[in-house]
Amino acid sequence: MNELDRIADLQHRIAILEDMRAYQELYHLLFDRLYRFSFSFVKSREAAEEIVSDVFIKLWQIRSDLKKVVALKVYLYTITRNFSINYITRHYKHQVVSLDGMEDLFVASASPEELAISAEMYQKVQAAIRDLPPQCRAIFQLVREDGLKYKDVAAIMDVSVLTVRNQVAIATKKLAAALPATLGKRIADSARFSHS
């Protein structure tokens, strides 16, 4: 069963059967990705964890309405984005936020390709990603790290598919320019085979 089918099955079990095990399975399946997504906005581990926990609490509270939700994964990302923006509005109006420890967030979900890159190169990639403008970084991470399709990212970020495509292209160019020639070329080449 692919991930989307699995999520649809869990959604059905939560909405119709009020199945707590299905809810816990969905939580474990998506928590880390939603946490990284929230962190990309709020820049606080504790706040991101609290936000994603609140998202799942809300999900359980509205479980009977889930049968009306067409794409639960997109829906959860959208709620996470909204909760994160609300948090920023309340807490970060004029604060400068440290990005220390950002590399730890990606180690847990490192792909085999990332593991093949030396630690130094990995740090350079992460530094280049951190240097992207906030919206560009969030879109890039949703597409490249979370594997979402452009139309899903557009719905989550409340922008057009063209904006998503352009932001991924901008991010790819900036990363390719910021990194050593061989790795930069690899990133630029991978952009040709992106999700649409």
Protein backbone atom coordinates (compact mmCIF):
# COMPACT_ATOMS: atom_id res chain seq x y z
CA MET A 1 0.00 0.00 0.00
CA ASN A 2 1.50 3.36 -0.98
CA GLU A 3 1.57 6.26 1.46
CA LEU A 4 -1.44 8.10 0.05
CA ASP A 5 -3.57 4.95 0.20
CA ARG A 6 -2.35 4.31 3.72
CA ILE A 7 -3.26 7.86 4.77
CA ALA A 8 -6.70 7.51 3.14
CA ASP A 9 -7.25 4.25 5.04
CA LEU A 10 -6.20 5.86 8.32
CA GLN A 11 -8.43 8.85 7.59
CA HIS A 12 -11.40 6.54 7.05
CA ARG A 13 -10.71 4.61 10.25
CA ILE A 14 -10.37 7.82 12.26
CA ALA A 15 -13.45 9.53 10.76
CA ILE A 16 -15.84 6.59 10.68
CA LEU A 17 -14.60 4.21 13.37
CA GLU A 18 -12.97 6.74 15.73
CA ASP A 19 -10.00 4.38 15.73
CA MET A 20 -7.36 5.64 18.18
CA ARG A 21 -4.73 3.25 16.78
CA ALA A 22 -5.22 4.69 13.30
CA TYR A 23 -4.87 8.18 14.78
CA GLN A 24 -1.62 7.20 16.50
CA GLU A 25 -0.31 5.60 13.31
CA LEU A 26 -1.07 8.78 11.34
CA TYR A 27 0.65 10.82 14.05
CA HIS A 28 3.81 8.70 13.82
CA LEU A 29 3.70 8.74 10.03
CA LEU A 30 3.50 12.52 9.60
CA PHE A 31 4.75 14.14 12.81
CA ASP A 32 8.41 14.58 11.78
CA ARG A 33 7.56 16.11 8.41
CA LEU A 34 4.99 18.49 9.87
CA TYR A 35 7.46 19.36 12.63
CA ARG A 36 10.18 20.30 10.10
CA PHE A 37 7.62 22.28 8.11
CA SER A 38 6.48 24.21 11.18
CA PHE A 39 10.09 24.75 12.27
CA SER A 40 10.84 26.35 8.90
CA PHE A 41 8.39 29.10 9.95
CA VAL A 42 8.80 29.46 13.71
CA LYS A 43 12.52 28.61 14.14
CA SER A 44 11.89 27.10 17.56
CA ARG A 45 11.96 23.38 18.29
CA GLU A 46 9.61 23.67 21.25
CA ALA A 47 7.14 25.86 19.37
CA ALA A 48 7.16 23.58 16.31
CA GLU A 49 6.55 20.54 18.49
CA GLU A 50 3.70 22.30 20.30
CA ILE A 51 2.17 23.47 17.02
CA VAL A 52 2.18 20.00 15.46
CA SER A 53 0.76 18.52 18.66
CA ASP A 54 -2.01 21.13 18.48
CA VAL A 55 -2.63 20.18 14.85
CA PHE A 56 -3.15 16.55 15.82
CA ILE A 57 -5.36 17.51 18.77
CA LYS A 58 -7.51 19.55 16.38
CA LEU A 59 -7.56 16.62 13.97
CA TRP A 60 -8.98 14.35 16.68
CA GLN A 61 -11.52 16.99 17.72
CA ILE A 62 -12.87 17.28 14.18
CA ARG A 63 -12.50 13.58 13.32
CA SER A 64 -16.14 13.16 12.28
CA ASP A 65 -15.66 15.89 9.64
CA LEU A 66 -12.62 14.15 8.13
CA LYS A 67 -14.80 12.17 5.73
CA LYS A 68 -15.31 15.47 3.84
CA VAL A 69 -11.57 16.13 3.48
CA VAL A 70 -10.29 15.17 0.03
CA ALA A 71 -6.50 15.22 0.64
CA LEU A 72 -5.72 14.76 4.33
CA LYS A 73 -1.96 15.20 3.97
CA VAL A 74 -2.40 18.57 2.23
CA TYR A 75 -5.04 19.51 4.80
CA LEU A 76 -2.63 18.77 7.68
CA TYR A 77 0.17 20.79 6.08
CA THR A 78 -2.25 23.69 5.59
CA ILE A 79 -3.36 23.60 9.23
CA THR A 80 0.28 23.42 10.31
CA ARG A 81 1.14 26.44 8.16
CA ASN A 82 -1.79 28.42 9.57
CA PHE A 83 -0.97 27.50 13.17
CA SER A 84 2.69 28.40 12.55
CA ILE A 85 1.78 31.78 11.07
CA ASN A 86 -0.54 32.46 14.02
CA TYR A 87 2.30 31.59 16.39
CA ILE A 88 4.68 33.95 14.59
CA THR A 89 2.10 36.72 14.71
CA ARG A 90 1.76 36.29 18.47
CA HIS A 91 5.41 35.67 19.42
CA TYR A 92 7.94 36.84 16.85
CA LYS A 93 6.92 40.28 15.68
CA HIS A 94 10.34 41.88 16.22
CA GLN A 95 12.67 39.09 17.30
CA VAL A 96 15.71 37.76 15.50
CA VAL A 97 15.71 33.98 15.62
CA SER A 98 18.79 31.73 15.77
CA LEU A 99 19.10 28.87 13.31
CA ASP A 100 21.51 26.92 15.55
CA GLY A 101 20.88 23.22 15.51
CA MET A 102 19.01 23.24 12.20
CA GLU A 103 21.19 20.44 10.82
CA ASP A 104 19.86 18.02 13.47
CA LEU A 105 16.39 18.29 11.96
CA PHE A 106 17.42 16.72 8.68
CA VAL A 107 19.71 13.97 9.95
CA ALA A 108 16.82 11.80 11.17
CA SER A 109 15.25 11.76 7.72
CA ALA A 110 18.42 11.61 5.63
CA SER A 111 18.05 9.76 2.37
CA PRO A 112 20.73 7.35 1.13
CA GLU A 113 21.95 10.05 -1.25
CA GLU A 114 22.38 12.51 1.64
CA LEU A 115 24.28 9.89 3.62
CA ALA A 116 26.68 9.48 0.71
CA ILE A 117 27.58 13.17 0.80
CA SER A 118 30.38 13.96 3.19
CA ALA A 119 29.51 15.73 6.45
CA GLU A 120 31.14 18.91 5.20
CA MET A 121 29.17 18.89 1.97
CA TYR A 122 25.97 18.14 3.84
CA GLN A 123 26.58 21.15 6.09
CA LYS A 124 27.18 23.32 3.02
CA VAL A 125 23.93 22.15 1.47
CA GLN A 126 22.01 22.85 4.68
CA ALA A 127 23.64 26.29 5.02
CA ALA A 128 22.68 27.11 1.44
CA ILE A 129 19.09 25.99 2.11
CA ARG A 130 18.96 28.12 5.28
CA ASP A 131 20.11 31.13 3.24
CA LEU A 132 17.11 30.88 0.92
CA PRO A 133 14.29 33.40 1.48
CA PRO A 134 11.66 31.93 3.88
CA GLN A 135 8.92 31.19 1.33
CA CYS A 136 11.41 29.85 -1.19
CA ARG A 137 12.98 27.61 1.49
CA ALA A 138 9.60 26.29 2.67
CA ILE A 139 8.48 25.49 -0.88
CA PHE A 140 11.82 23.86 -1.73
CA GLN A 141 11.67 21.68 1.40
CA LEU A 142 8.09 20.59 0.75
CA VAL A 143 8.94 19.56 -2.81
CA ARG A 144 12.44 18.13 -2.36
CA GLU A 145 12.45 16.78 1.19
CA ASP A 146 8.81 15.87 1.73
CA GLY A 147 8.21 14.81 -1.87
CA LEU A 148 4.95 16.71 -2.32
CA LYS A 149 3.64 17.57 -5.77
CA TYR A 150 3.63 21.18 -6.95
CA LYS A 151 -0.18 21.41 -6.83
CA ASP A 152 -0.22 20.16 -3.22
CA VAL A 153 2.49 22.64 -2.20
CA ALA A 154 0.53 25.41 -3.94
CA ALA A 155 -2.55 24.52 -1.89
CA ILE A 156 -0.57 24.36 1.36
CA MET A 157 1.25 27.65 0.79
CA ASP A 158 -1.78 29.39 -0.77
CA VAL A 159 0.10 30.30 -3.96
CA SER A 160 -0.19 29.27 -7.61
CA VAL A 161 1.47 26.20 -9.09
CA LEU A 162 3.51 28.56 -11.27
CA THR A 163 4.81 30.29 -8.12
CA VAL A 164 5.83 26.91 -6.70
CA ARG A 165 7.59 25.98 -9.94
CA ASN A 166 9.39 29.35 -10.03
CA GLN A 167 10.42 29.17 -6.36
CA VAL A 168 11.86 25.67 -6.83
CA ALA A 169 13.77 26.91 -9.88
CA ILE A 170 15.09 29.92 -7.94
CA ALA A 171 16.10 27.72 -5.00
CA THR A 172 17.81 25.23 -7.30
CA LYS A 173 19.77 27.98 -9.06
CA LYS A 174 20.80 29.59 -5.76
CA LEU A 175 21.88 26.24 -4.32
CA ALA A 176 23.80 25.32 -7.46
CA ALA A 177 25.58 28.70 -7.38
CA ALA A 178 26.37 28.47 -3.65
CA LEU A 179 27.85 24.97 -3.73
CA PRO A 180 31.02 23.48 -5.19
CA ALA A 181 30.79 22.80 -8.92
CA THR A 182 30.18 19.03 -8.82
CA LEU A 183 27.45 19.14 -6.18
CA GLY A 184 25.89 22.28 -7.65
CA LYS A 185 25.66 20.59 -11.06
CA ARG A 186 24.04 17.52 -9.44
CA ILE A 187 21.39 19.70 -7.78
CA ALA A 188 20.74 21.63 -11.00
CA ASP A 189 20.44 18.38 -12.98
CA SER A 190 17.98 16.93 -10.46
CA ALA A 191 15.71 19.95 -10.99
CA ARG A 192 14.92 18.68 -14.49
CA PHE A 193 13.26 15.60 -13.01
CA SER A 194 11.13 17.37 -10.41
CA HIS A 195 7.48 16.78 -9.45
CA SER A 196 4.82 18.61 -11.37
